[in-house]
Amino acid sequence: MTERALRLGTRRSKLAMAQSGHVADAVRQLTGRPVELVEITTYGDVSREHLAQIGGTGVFVVALRDALLAGEVDFAVHSLKDLPTTQHPDLVVAAIPEREDPRDVLVARDGLTLDRLPDGARVGTGSPRRMAQLNAYARSHGLTIETVPIRGNIDTRVGYVHKGELDAVVLAAAGLNRIGRTDEVTDFLSVDSVLPAPGQGALAIECAAADADLVATLAELDDPHTRAAVTAERSLLAALEAGCSAPVGALADLLAEDSGRGQIVTEMRLRGVVGTTDGSTLVQLSTTGPVPVSYDEAMALGRELADEMLAKGAAGLMGERAH
């Protein structure tokens, strides 16, 4: 008797379907069971308002979680950066697979890079975090750019450049990688200039906490380094009491030293930034902790850096606070 297909809940966008397709393939290989994608429309997919206006936090997640709780799907795949930092009591993130490239990228006309944007360039992004850091970069380099709020899928956003309506748009490298369109990137933005969103490039595989067998199975897809890094980043976000549409960037990475016998990871560095969207003020700090990093240590690292940033005035720079 053939086992019932596992039902994977996913958003309908091309990117979400690609992400979920990769996970479905991994689960099929792991379990030998068929996996079918169940397409679900979320509020964030149908609303035309900007994310900062509709609250950002959870707008791409609630419908998927409702389907999980109703037993309509067995597990769901989220972009981790869309997931609220507060864990749902009846659900568990069973796996966070190895992270894709966390950086932001520029897709610009005429092959332009960030440092070659002309004065007055119009750059599209729906992210206050990106606006804050792009405008800060421009100010520090004596440039004037106009950051233009946009929404829509990758095709829509890149289309603004192709149609000549914008000089450039900023997107996540991970998304373009996953749908095989990195050839359109004109510049990979250094994290020294633009820190990504907490959890950017990582996926979260979520299922019912009560389904112990499925939790254990999916946990085999977990990457401990990625989980430690994004736990620290999301702990920072939570401690700042900021939603995912607030102008907060964070990245945790592993630092290595050459031991003479190869690279040895020595510590984890967490960097964070909060800024005003016009780029006039940024609070940007970093801290480090030892490795290997336990869940509690990663949480503590995030809270520690958040406390330092709040002491430097970060709270006053966030236009949208969590409620």
C-alpha atoms as a PDB file:
ATOM      1  CA  MET A   1       0.000   0.000   0.000  1.00  0.00           C
ATOM      2  CA  THR A   2       1.417   3.383  -1.077  1.00  0.00           C
ATOM      3  CA  GLU A   3       1.757   5.941   1.692  1.00  0.00           C
ATOM      4  CA  ARG A   4      -0.374   9.077   1.410  1.00  0.00           C
ATOM      5  CA  ALA A   5       1.372  12.026  -0.215  1.00  0.00           C
ATOM      6  CA  LEU A   6       2.671  14.651   2.177  1.00  0.00           C
ATOM      7  CA  ARG A   7       1.000  18.009   1.523  1.00  0.00           C
ATOM      8  CA  LEU A   8       3.348  20.998   1.435  1.00  0.00           C
ATOM      9  CA  GLY A   9       1.701  24.396   1.834  1.00  0.00           C
ATOM     10  CA  THR A  10       3.255  27.178  -0.237  1.00  0.00           C
ATOM     11  CA  ARG A  11       2.530  30.650  -1.518  1.00  0.00           C
ATOM     12  CA  ARG A  12       1.679  30.835  -5.231  1.00  0.00           C
ATOM     13  CA  SER A  13       4.457  33.141  -6.440  1.00  0.00           C
ATOM     14  CA  LYS A  14       7.094  31.838  -8.847  1.00  0.00           C
ATOM     15  CA  LEU A  15       9.776  32.278  -6.188  1.00  0.00           C
ATOM     16  CA  ALA A  16       7.758  30.573  -3.429  1.00  0.00           C
ATOM     17  CA  MET A  17       6.956  27.660  -5.730  1.00  0.00           C
ATOM     18  CA  ALA A  18      10.637  27.285  -6.630  1.00  0.00           C
ATOM     19  CA  GLN A  19      11.665  27.351  -2.959  1.00  0.00           C
ATOM     20  CA  SER A  20       8.985  24.850  -2.002  1.00  0.00           C
ATOM     21  CA  GLY A  21       9.865  22.657  -4.974  1.00  0.00           C
ATOM     22  CA  HIS A  22      13.457  22.349  -3.719  1.00  0.00           C
ATOM     23  CA  VAL A  23      12.199  21.385  -0.258  1.00  0.00           C
ATOM     24  CA  ALA A  24       9.673  18.923  -1.714  1.00  0.00           C
ATOM     25  CA  ASP A  25      12.485  17.196  -3.641  1.00  0.00           C
ATOM     26  CA  ALA A  26      14.580  16.943  -0.470  1.00  0.00           C
ATOM     27  CA  VAL A  27      11.665  15.486   1.522  1.00  0.00           C
ATOM     28  CA  ARG A  28      10.910  12.957  -1.234  1.00  0.00           C
ATOM     29  CA  GLN A  29      14.536  11.786  -1.191  1.00  0.00           C
ATOM     30  CA  LEU A  30      14.521  11.658   2.593  1.00  0.00           C
ATOM     31  CA  THR A  31      11.270   9.767   3.076  1.00  0.00           C
ATOM     32  CA  GLY A  32      10.567   7.989  -0.202  1.00  0.00           C
ATOM     33  CA  ARG A  33       7.035   9.422   0.025  1.00  0.00           C
ATOM     34  CA  PRO A  34       5.324  11.535  -2.622  1.00  0.00           C
ATOM     35  CA  VAL A  35       5.015  15.241  -1.807  1.00  0.00           C
ATOM     36  CA  GLU A  36       2.379  17.463  -3.394  1.00  0.00           C
ATOM     37  CA  LEU A  37       2.390  21.271  -3.350  1.00  0.00           C
ATOM     38  CA  VAL A  38      -0.772  22.939  -2.059  1.00  0.00           C
ATOM     39  CA  GLU A  39      -0.923  26.547  -3.266  1.00  0.00           C
ATOM     40  CA  ILE A  40      -2.257  29.061  -0.758  1.00  0.00           C
ATOM     41  CA  THR A  41      -2.914  32.775  -1.281  1.00  0.00           C
ATOM     42  CA  THR A  42      -1.842  35.026   1.592  1.00  0.00           C
ATOM     43  CA  TYR A  43      -2.972  38.548   2.475  1.00  0.00           C
ATOM     44  CA  GLY A  44       0.447  39.880   1.515  1.00  0.00           C
ATOM     45  CA  ASP A  45       0.015  38.400  -1.978  1.00  0.00           C
ATOM     46  CA  VAL A  46      -3.309  40.123  -2.717  1.00  0.00           C
ATOM     47  CA  SER A  47      -2.846  43.473  -0.944  1.00  0.00           C
ATOM     48  CA  ARG A  48      -1.421  46.268  -3.096  1.00  0.00           C
ATOM     49  CA  GLU A  49      -0.481  48.400  -0.099  1.00  0.00           C
ATOM     50  CA  HIS A  50       3.166  48.817   0.852  1.00  0.00           C
ATOM     51  CA  LEU A  51       4.365  46.405   3.516  1.00  0.00           C
ATOM     52  CA  ALA A  52       5.039  49.199   6.015  1.00  0.00           C
ATOM     53  CA  GLN A  53       1.370  50.213   5.713  1.00  0.00           C
ATOM     54  CA  ILE A  54      -0.107  46.740   6.248  1.00  0.00           C
ATOM     55  CA  GLY A  55       2.223  45.940   9.124  1.00  0.00           C
ATOM     56  CA  GLY A  56       4.642  43.636   7.312  1.00  0.00           C
ATOM     57  CA  THR A  57       4.903  41.065  10.088  1.00  0.00           C
ATOM     58  CA  GLY A  58       3.158  37.814   9.231  1.00  0.00           C
ATOM     59  CA  VAL A  59       1.223  39.009   6.168  1.00  0.00           C
ATOM     60  CA  PHE A  60       2.737  36.222   4.034  1.00  0.00           C
ATOM     61  CA  VAL A  61       2.470  33.634   6.814  1.00  0.00           C
ATOM     62  CA  VAL A  62      -0.968  33.656   8.474  1.00  0.00           C
ATOM     63  CA  ALA A  63      -2.868  31.820   5.721  1.00  0.00           C
ATOM     64  CA  LEU A  64      -0.197  29.090   5.573  1.00  0.00           C
ATOM     65  CA  ARG A  65      -0.322  28.661   9.339  1.00  0.00           C
ATOM     66  CA  ASP A  66      -4.130  28.531   9.267  1.00  0.00           C
ATOM     67  CA  ALA A  67      -3.927  25.693   6.728  1.00  0.00           C
ATOM     68  CA  LEU A  68      -1.446  23.848   8.961  1.00  0.00           C
ATOM     69  CA  LEU A  69      -3.633  24.245  12.037  1.00  0.00           C
ATOM     70  CA  ALA A  70      -6.713  23.096  10.106  1.00  0.00           C
ATOM     71  CA  GLY A  71      -4.905  19.970   8.906  1.00  0.00           C
ATOM     72  CA  GLU A  72      -5.212  21.011   5.260  1.00  0.00           C
ATOM     73  CA  VAL A  73      -1.438  20.703   4.777  1.00  0.00           C
ATOM     74  CA  ASP A  74       1.183  18.665   6.633  1.00  0.00           C
ATOM     75  CA  PHE A  75       3.989  21.213   6.550  1.00  0.00           C
ATOM     76  CA  ALA A  76       4.693  24.633   5.076  1.00  0.00           C
ATOM     77  CA  VAL A  77       7.707  26.453   3.650  1.00  0.00           C
ATOM     78  CA  HIS A  78       8.264  30.126   4.466  1.00  0.00           C
ATOM     79  CA  SER A  79      10.951  32.648   3.635  1.00  0.00           C
ATOM     80  CA  LEU A  80      12.344  32.950   7.149  1.00  0.00           C
ATOM     81  CA  LYS A  81      12.493  36.742   7.003  1.00  0.00           C
ATOM     82  CA  ASP A  82       8.679  36.788   6.643  1.00  0.00           C
ATOM     83  CA  LEU A  83       8.147  34.729   9.808  1.00  0.00           C
ATOM     84  CA  PRO A  84       7.147  36.586  13.011  1.00  0.00           C
ATOM     85  CA  THR A  85       9.803  36.292  15.717  1.00  0.00           C
ATOM     86  CA  THR A  86       7.247  34.963  18.218  1.00  0.00           C
ATOM     87  CA  GLN A  87       6.839  31.200  17.827  1.00  0.00           C
ATOM     88  CA  HIS A  88       3.272  29.877  17.408  1.00  0.00           C
ATOM     89  CA  PRO A  89       2.456  27.613  20.408  1.00  0.00           C
ATOM     90  CA  ASP A  90       1.023  24.789  18.264  1.00  0.00           C
ATOM     91  CA  LEU A  91       3.604  24.888  15.476  1.00  0.00           C
ATOM     92  CA  VAL A  92       7.344  24.252  15.284  1.00  0.00           C
ATOM     93  CA  VAL A  93      10.055  25.242  12.809  1.00  0.00           C
ATOM     94  CA  ALA A  94      11.307  21.698  12.323  1.00  0.00           C
ATOM     95  CA  ALA A  95      14.100  22.639   9.916  1.00  0.00           C
ATOM     96  CA  ILE A  96      16.050  25.609   8.618  1.00  0.00           C
ATOM     97  CA  PRO A  97      18.040  24.257   5.649  1.00  0.00           C
ATOM     98  CA  GLU A  98      21.415  25.642   4.616  1.00  0.00           C
ATOM     99  CA  ARG A  99      21.098  29.305   3.795  1.00  0.00           C
ATOM    100  CA  GLU A 100      21.344  30.771   0.304  1.00  0.00           C
ATOM    101  CA  ASP A 101      23.375  33.932  -0.367  1.00  0.00           C
ATOM    102  CA  PRO A 102      22.021  36.471   2.186  1.00  0.00           C
ATOM    103  CA  ARG A 103      23.134  39.571   0.268  1.00  0.00           C
ATOM    104  CA  ASP A 104      21.042  42.149  -1.556  1.00  0.00           C
ATOM    105  CA  VAL A 105      21.711  42.776  -5.227  1.00  0.00           C
ATOM    106  CA  LEU A 106      21.253  45.596  -7.694  1.00  0.00           C
ATOM    107  CA  VAL A 107      19.549  45.075 -11.041  1.00  0.00           C
ATOM    108  CA  ALA A 108      20.275  48.278 -12.943  1.00  0.00           C
ATOM    109  CA  ARG A 109      20.149  49.698 -16.450  1.00  0.00           C
ATOM    110  CA  ASP A 110      23.304  49.676 -18.549  1.00  0.00           C
ATOM    111  CA  GLY A 111      25.099  47.309 -16.144  1.00  0.00           C
ATOM    112  CA  LEU A 112      25.415  49.991 -13.471  1.00  0.00           C
ATOM    113  CA  THR A 113      26.879  49.105 -10.076  1.00  0.00           C
ATOM    114  CA  LEU A 114      26.045  50.841  -6.795  1.00  0.00           C
ATOM    115  CA  ASP A 115      29.190  52.978  -6.887  1.00  0.00           C
ATOM    116  CA  ARG A 116      28.447  54.054 -10.470  1.00  0.00           C
ATOM    117  CA  LEU A 117      24.835  55.162 -10.035  1.00  0.00           C
ATOM    118  CA  PRO A 118      24.430  58.665 -11.456  1.00  0.00           C
ATOM    119  CA  ASP A 119      23.417  61.570  -9.257  1.00  0.00           C
ATOM    120  CA  GLY A 120      19.623  61.608  -8.974  1.00  0.00           C
ATOM    121  CA  ALA A 121      19.245  57.902  -9.831  1.00  0.00           C
ATOM    122  CA  ARG A 122      15.814  56.432  -9.052  1.00  0.00           C
ATOM    123  CA  VAL A 123      16.196  53.146  -7.143  1.00  0.00           C
ATOM    124  CA  GLY A 124      13.168  50.966  -6.408  1.00  0.00           C
ATOM    125  CA  THR A 125      12.669  48.982  -3.214  1.00  0.00           C
ATOM    126  CA  GLY A 126       9.760  48.187  -0.927  1.00  0.00           C
ATOM    127  CA  SER A 127      12.028  47.860   2.108  1.00  0.00           C
ATOM    128  CA  PRO A 128      12.612  50.674   4.637  1.00  0.00           C
ATOM    129  CA  ARG A 129      15.780  48.786   5.674  1.00  0.00           C
ATOM    130  CA  ARG A 130      17.178  49.010   2.154  1.00  0.00           C
ATOM    131  CA  MET A 131      16.099  52.640   1.806  1.00  0.00           C
ATOM    132  CA  ALA A 132      17.898  53.612   5.014  1.00  0.00           C
ATOM    133  CA  GLN A 133      21.176  51.974   4.017  1.00  0.00           C
ATOM    134  CA  LEU A 134      21.106  52.989   0.343  1.00  0.00           C
ATOM    135  CA  ASN A 135      20.459  56.600   1.277  1.00  0.00           C
ATOM    136  CA  ALA A 136      23.199  56.468   3.932  1.00  0.00           C
ATOM    137  CA  TYR A 137      25.608  55.056   1.326  1.00  0.00           C
ATOM    138  CA  ALA A 138      24.693  57.809  -1.132  1.00  0.00           C
ATOM    139  CA  ARG A 139      25.173  60.515   1.518  1.00  0.00           C
ATOM    140  CA  SER A 140      28.590  59.169   2.478  1.00  0.00           C
ATOM    141  CA  HIS A 141      29.659  59.159  -1.190  1.00  0.00           C
ATOM    142  CA  GLY A 142      28.324  62.634  -1.990  1.00  0.00           C
ATOM    143  CA  LEU A 143      25.462  61.303  -4.137  1.00  0.00           C
ATOM    144  CA  THR A 144      21.783  62.097  -4.256  1.00  0.00           C
ATOM    145  CA  ILE A 145      19.519  59.162  -5.081  1.00  0.00           C
ATOM    146  CA  GLU A 146      15.751  58.800  -4.916  1.00  0.00           C
ATOM    147  CA  THR A 147      14.500  55.593  -3.315  1.00  0.00           C
ATOM    148  CA  VAL A 148      11.107  54.748  -4.801  1.00  0.00           C
ATOM    149  CA  PRO A 149       8.677  52.450  -2.907  1.00  0.00           C
ATOM    150  CA  ILE A 150       7.633  49.464  -5.049  1.00  0.00           C
ATOM    151  CA  ARG A 151       5.742  46.200  -4.560  1.00  0.00           C
ATOM    152  CA  GLY A 152       5.313  43.114  -6.695  1.00  0.00           C
ATOM    153  CA  ASN A 153       7.072  39.930  -7.708  1.00  0.00           C
ATOM    154  CA  ILE A 154      10.536  39.721  -9.265  1.00  0.00           C
ATOM    155  CA  ASP A 155       9.209  40.113 -12.830  1.00  0.00           C
ATOM    156  CA  THR A 156       7.284  43.244 -11.860  1.00  0.00           C
ATOM    157  CA  ARG A 157      10.234  44.816 -10.079  1.00  0.00           C
ATOM    158  CA  VAL A 158      12.816  44.064 -12.749  1.00  0.00           C
ATOM    159  CA  GLY A 159      10.274  45.267 -15.315  1.00  0.00           C
ATOM    160  CA  TYR A 160      10.479  48.798 -13.924  1.00  0.00           C
ATOM    161  CA  VAL A 161      14.140  48.873 -14.989  1.00  0.00           C
ATOM    162  CA  HIS A 162      13.555  47.292 -18.408  1.00  0.00           C
ATOM    163  CA  LYS A 163      10.768  49.810 -19.132  1.00  0.00           C
ATOM    164  CA  GLY A 164      12.985  52.725 -18.124  1.00  0.00           C
ATOM    165  CA  GLU A 165      10.767  53.778 -15.202  1.00  0.00           C
ATOM    166  CA  LEU A 166      13.595  53.234 -12.696  1.00  0.00           C
ATOM    167  CA  ASP A 167      17.371  53.243 -12.975  1.00  0.00           C
ATOM    168  CA  ALA A 168      17.710  50.243 -10.663  1.00  0.00           C
ATOM    169  CA  VAL A 169      15.908  47.981  -8.224  1.00  0.00           C
ATOM    170  CA  VAL A 170      17.268  46.168  -5.170  1.00  0.00           C
ATOM    171  CA  LEU A 171      16.326  42.515  -4.626  1.00  0.00           C
ATOM    172  CA  ALA A 172      17.509  39.579  -2.520  1.00  0.00           C
ATOM    173  CA  ALA A 173      20.255  37.504  -4.141  1.00  0.00           C
ATOM    174  CA  ALA A 174      18.660  34.321  -2.795  1.00  0.00           C
ATOM    175  CA  GLY A 175      15.441  34.833  -4.727  1.00  0.00           C
ATOM    176  CA  LEU A 176      17.188  35.370  -8.045  1.00  0.00           C
ATOM    177  CA  ASN A 177      19.468  32.386  -7.357  1.00  0.00           C
ATOM    178  CA  ARG A 178      16.514  30.116  -6.662  1.00  0.00           C
ATOM    179  CA  ILE A 179      14.752  30.948  -9.930  1.00  0.00           C
ATOM    180  CA  GLY A 180      17.965  30.921 -11.990  1.00  0.00           C
ATOM    181  CA  ARG A 181      18.117  34.617 -12.836  1.00  0.00           C
ATOM    182  CA  THR A 182      21.410  35.786 -11.322  1.00  0.00           C
ATOM    183  CA  ASP A 183      22.558  36.765 -14.833  1.00  0.00           C
ATOM    184  CA  GLU A 184      20.379  39.884 -14.445  1.00  0.00           C
ATOM    185  CA  VAL A 185      22.340  41.076 -11.383  1.00  0.00           C
ATOM    186  CA  THR A 186      24.575  44.072 -12.095  1.00  0.00           C
ATOM    187  CA  ASP A 187      26.028  44.318  -8.559  1.00  0.00           C
ATOM    188  CA  PHE A 188      26.138  42.115  -5.457  1.00  0.00           C
ATOM    189  CA  LEU A 189      25.919  44.623  -2.596  1.00  0.00           C
ATOM    190  CA  SER A 190      28.601  44.233   0.053  1.00  0.00           C
ATOM    191  CA  VAL A 191      27.205  43.559   3.518  1.00  0.00           C
ATOM    192  CA  ASP A 192      29.605  46.271   4.678  1.00  0.00           C
ATOM    193  CA  SER A 193      27.349  48.736   2.818  1.00  0.00           C
ATOM    194  CA  VAL A 194      23.923  47.075   3.037  1.00  0.00           C
ATOM    195  CA  LEU A 195      23.152  44.525   5.755  1.00  0.00           C
ATOM    196  CA  PRO A 196      20.371  42.086   4.790  1.00  0.00           C
ATOM    197  CA  ALA A 197      17.101  41.530   6.615  1.00  0.00           C
ATOM    198  CA  PRO A 198      17.322  39.182   9.614  1.00  0.00           C
ATOM    199  CA  GLY A 199      17.015  35.642   8.247  1.00  0.00           C
ATOM    200  CA  GLN A 200      17.326  36.719   4.597  1.00  0.00           C
ATOM    201  CA  GLY A 201      18.232  33.852   2.287  1.00  0.00           C
ATOM    202  CA  ALA A 202      17.023  31.180   4.733  1.00  0.00           C
ATOM    203  CA  LEU A 203      13.879  29.045   4.581  1.00  0.00           C
ATOM    204  CA  ALA A 204      11.766  27.819   7.486  1.00  0.00           C
ATOM    205  CA  ILE A 205       9.993  24.447   7.294  1.00  0.00           C
ATOM    206  CA  GLU A 206       7.115  24.521   9.757  1.00  0.00           C
ATOM    207  CA  CYS A 207       4.706  21.798  10.886  1.00  0.00           C
ATOM    208  CA  ALA A 208       2.400  20.934  13.759  1.00  0.00           C
ATOM    209  CA  ALA A 209       4.282  20.507  17.027  1.00  0.00           C
ATOM    210  CA  ALA A 210       2.106  17.510  17.892  1.00  0.00           C
ATOM    211  CA  ASP A 211       3.251  15.526  14.832  1.00  0.00           C
ATOM    212  CA  ALA A 212       6.417  14.184  16.474  1.00  0.00           C
ATOM    213  CA  ASP A 213       7.257  11.774  13.625  1.00  0.00           C
ATOM    214  CA  LEU A 214       7.096  14.487  10.969  1.00  0.00           C
ATOM    215  CA  VAL A 215       9.032  16.924  13.173  1.00  0.00           C
ATOM    216  CA  ALA A 216      11.809  14.328  13.549  1.00  0.00           C
ATOM    217  CA  THR A 217      11.846  13.571   9.818  1.00  0.00           C
ATOM    218  CA  LEU A 218      11.984  17.198   8.694  1.00  0.00           C
ATOM    219  CA  ALA A 219      14.652  17.948  11.319  1.00  0.00           C
ATOM    220  CA  GLU A 220      17.099  15.950   9.182  1.00  0.00           C
ATOM    221  CA  LEU A 221      17.050  18.874   6.710  1.00  0.00           C
ATOM    222  CA  ASP A 222      18.188  21.325   9.395  1.00  0.00           C
ATOM    223  CA  ASP A 223      21.542  23.096   9.053  1.00  0.00           C
ATOM    224  CA  PRO A 224      22.858  23.903  12.555  1.00  0.00           C
ATOM    225  CA  HIS A 225      25.138  26.762  11.410  1.00  0.00           C
ATOM    226  CA  THR A 226      22.277  28.479   9.586  1.00  0.00           C
ATOM    227  CA  ARG A 227      19.915  27.957  12.527  1.00  0.00           C
ATOM    228  CA  ALA A 228      22.419  29.487  14.972  1.00  0.00           C
ATOM    229  CA  ALA A 229      23.022  32.491  12.712  1.00  0.00           C
ATOM    230  CA  VAL A 230      19.373  33.293  12.008  1.00  0.00           C
ATOM    231  CA  THR A 231      18.437  32.705  15.662  1.00  0.00           C
ATOM    232  CA  ALA A 232      20.884  35.449  16.661  1.00  0.00           C
ATOM    233  CA  GLU A 233      19.599  37.772  13.925  1.00  0.00           C
ATOM    234  CA  ARG A 234      15.947  37.224  14.821  1.00  0.00           C
ATOM    235  CA  SER A 235      16.685  37.579  18.536  1.00  0.00           C
ATOM    236  CA  LEU A 236      18.103  41.032  17.746  1.00  0.00           C
ATOM    237  CA  LEU A 237      14.966  41.900  15.775  1.00  0.00           C
ATOM    238  CA  ALA A 238      12.688  40.693  18.576  1.00  0.00           C
ATOM    239  CA  ALA A 239      14.636  42.553  21.274  1.00  0.00           C
ATOM    240  CA  LEU A 240      14.353  45.759  19.238  1.00  0.00           C
ATOM    241  CA  GLU A 241      10.580  45.072  19.174  1.00  0.00           C
ATOM    242  CA  ALA A 242      10.645  45.695  15.454  1.00  0.00           C
ATOM    243  CA  GLY A 243       8.447  44.175  12.771  1.00  0.00           C
ATOM    244  CA  CYS A 244       9.868  42.695   9.576  1.00  0.00           C
ATOM    245  CA  SER A 245       9.024  45.939   7.731  1.00  0.00           C
ATOM    246  CA  ALA A 246      11.077  48.084  10.142  1.00  0.00           C
ATOM    247  CA  PRO A 247      14.432  49.488   8.938  1.00  0.00           C
ATOM    248  CA  VAL A 248      16.528  46.810  10.694  1.00  0.00           C
ATOM    249  CA  GLY A 249      19.349  44.855   9.081  1.00  0.00           C
ATOM    250  CA  ALA A 250      21.275  41.998  10.696  1.00  0.00           C
ATOM    251  CA  LEU A 251      23.747  39.318   9.701  1.00  0.00           C
ATOM    252  CA  ALA A 252      25.501  36.660  11.761  1.00  0.00           C
ATOM    253  CA  ASP A 253      28.480  34.956  10.164  1.00  0.00           C
ATOM    254  CA  LEU A 254      31.194  32.579  11.261  1.00  0.00           C
ATOM    255  CA  LEU A 255      34.749  33.886  11.519  1.00  0.00           C
ATOM    256  CA  ALA A 256      37.616  31.531  10.763  1.00  0.00           C
ATOM    257  CA  GLU A 257      41.370  31.556  11.307  1.00  0.00           C
ATOM    258  CA  ASP A 258      44.051  29.637   9.449  1.00  0.00           C
ATOM    259  CA  SER A 259      45.405  26.977  11.802  1.00  0.00           C
ATOM    260  CA  GLY A 260      48.135  25.835   9.409  1.00  0.00           C
ATOM    261  CA  ARG A 261      46.006  22.757   8.720  1.00  0.00           C
ATOM    262  CA  GLY A 262      43.134  24.652   7.209  1.00  0.00           C
ATOM    263  CA  GLN A 263      40.475  27.090   8.351  1.00  0.00           C
ATOM    264  CA  ILE A 264      39.091  26.711  11.883  1.00  0.00           C
ATOM    265  CA  VAL A 265      35.918  28.558  12.864  1.00  0.00           C
ATOM    266  CA  THR A 266      36.684  30.567  16.003  1.00  0.00           C
ATOM    267  CA  GLU A 267      33.627  32.733  16.708  1.00  0.00           C
ATOM    268  CA  MET A 268      30.326  34.036  15.387  1.00  0.00           C
ATOM    269  CA  ARG A 269      29.996  37.727  14.601  1.00  0.00           C
ATOM    270  CA  LEU A 270      26.613  39.451  14.678  1.00  0.00           C
ATOM    271  CA  ARG A 271      26.200  42.802  12.964  1.00  0.00           C
ATOM    272  CA  GLY A 272      23.103  44.970  13.213  1.00  0.00           C
ATOM    273  CA  VAL A 273      21.885  48.273  11.792  1.00  0.00           C
ATOM    274  CA  VAL A 274      18.880  50.509  12.374  1.00  0.00           C
ATOM    275  CA  GLY A 275      18.371  53.739  10.499  1.00  0.00           C
ATOM    276  CA  THR A 276      16.037  56.452   9.357  1.00  0.00           C
ATOM    277  CA  THR A 277      14.803  55.804   5.826  1.00  0.00           C
ATOM    278  CA  ASP A 278      16.410  59.003   4.531  1.00  0.00           C
ATOM    279  CA  GLY A 279      19.795  57.645   5.612  1.00  0.00           C
ATOM    280  CA  SER A 280      20.590  60.658   7.773  1.00  0.00           C
ATOM    281  CA  THR A 281      21.116  58.579  10.918  1.00  0.00           C
ATOM    282  CA  LEU A 282      22.296  54.981  11.317  1.00  0.00           C
ATOM    283  CA  VAL A 283      23.085  53.005  14.445  1.00  0.00           C
ATOM    284  CA  GLN A 284      25.389  50.188  13.325  1.00  0.00           C
ATOM    285  CA  LEU A 285      27.138  47.903  15.809  1.00  0.00           C
ATOM    286  CA  SER A 286      28.548  44.379  16.047  1.00  0.00           C
ATOM    287  CA  THR A 287      29.410  41.813  18.681  1.00  0.00           C
ATOM    288  CA  THR A 288      30.971  38.356  18.712  1.00  0.00           C
ATOM    289  CA  GLY A 289      30.401  35.120  20.594  1.00  0.00           C
ATOM    290  CA  PRO A 290      32.150  31.733  20.835  1.00  0.00           C
ATOM    291  CA  VAL A 291      31.352  28.698  18.714  1.00  0.00           C
ATOM    292  CA  PRO A 292      29.748  26.231  18.637  1.00  0.00           C
ATOM    293  CA  VAL A 293      26.694  28.343  19.391  1.00  0.00           C
ATOM    294  CA  SER A 294      23.758  26.883  21.304  1.00  0.00           C
ATOM    295  CA  TYR A 295      20.218  28.186  20.819  1.00  0.00           C
ATOM    296  CA  ASP A 296      20.359  30.034  24.149  1.00  0.00           C
ATOM    297  CA  GLU A 297      23.747  31.572  23.306  1.00  0.00           C
ATOM    298  CA  ALA A 298      22.482  32.748  19.921  1.00  0.00           C
ATOM    299  CA  MET A 299      19.424  34.300  21.575  1.00  0.00           C
ATOM    300  CA  ALA A 300      21.645  36.001  24.165  1.00  0.00           C
ATOM    301  CA  LEU A 301      23.969  37.375  21.461  1.00  0.00           C
ATOM    302  CA  GLY A 302      21.025  38.994  19.682  1.00  0.00           C
ATOM    303  CA  ARG A 303      19.644  40.522  22.888  1.00  0.00           C
ATOM    304  CA  GLU A 304      23.101  41.794  23.871  1.00  0.00           C
ATOM    305  CA  LEU A 305      23.572  43.631  20.579  1.00  0.00           C
ATOM    306  CA  ALA A 306      20.016  44.979  20.675  1.00  0.00           C
ATOM    307  CA  ASP A 307      20.622  46.420  24.149  1.00  0.00           C
ATOM    308  CA  GLU A 308      23.766  48.177  22.877  1.00  0.00           C
ATOM    309  CA  MET A 309      21.885  49.557  19.863  1.00  0.00           C
ATOM    310  CA  LEU A 310      18.978  50.785  21.997  1.00  0.00           C
ATOM    311  CA  ALA A 311      21.467  52.505  24.293  1.00  0.00           C
ATOM    312  CA  LYS A 312      22.809  54.289  21.201  1.00  0.00           C
ATOM    313  CA  GLY A 313      19.333  55.584  20.279  1.00  0.00           C
ATOM    314  CA  ALA A 314      18.039  52.868  17.937  1.00  0.00           C
ATOM    315  CA  ALA A 315      14.479  53.002  19.313  1.00  0.00           C
ATOM    316  CA  GLY A 316      13.937  56.513  18.025  1.00  0.00           C
ATOM    317  CA  LEU A 317      14.932  55.547  14.478  1.00  0.00           C
ATOM    318  CA  MET A 318      12.275  52.888  13.899  1.00  0.00           C
ATOM    319  CA  GLY A 319       9.093  54.297  12.429  1.00  0.00           C
ATOM    320  CA  GLU A 320       7.155  51.044  12.863  1.00  0.00           C
ATOM    321  CA  ARG A 321       7.126  49.286  16.216  1.00  0.00           C
ATOM    322  CA  ALA A 322       5.579  45.895  16.808  1.00  0.00           C
ATOM    323  CA  HIS A 323       2.173  45.888  18.491  1.00  0.00           C
END
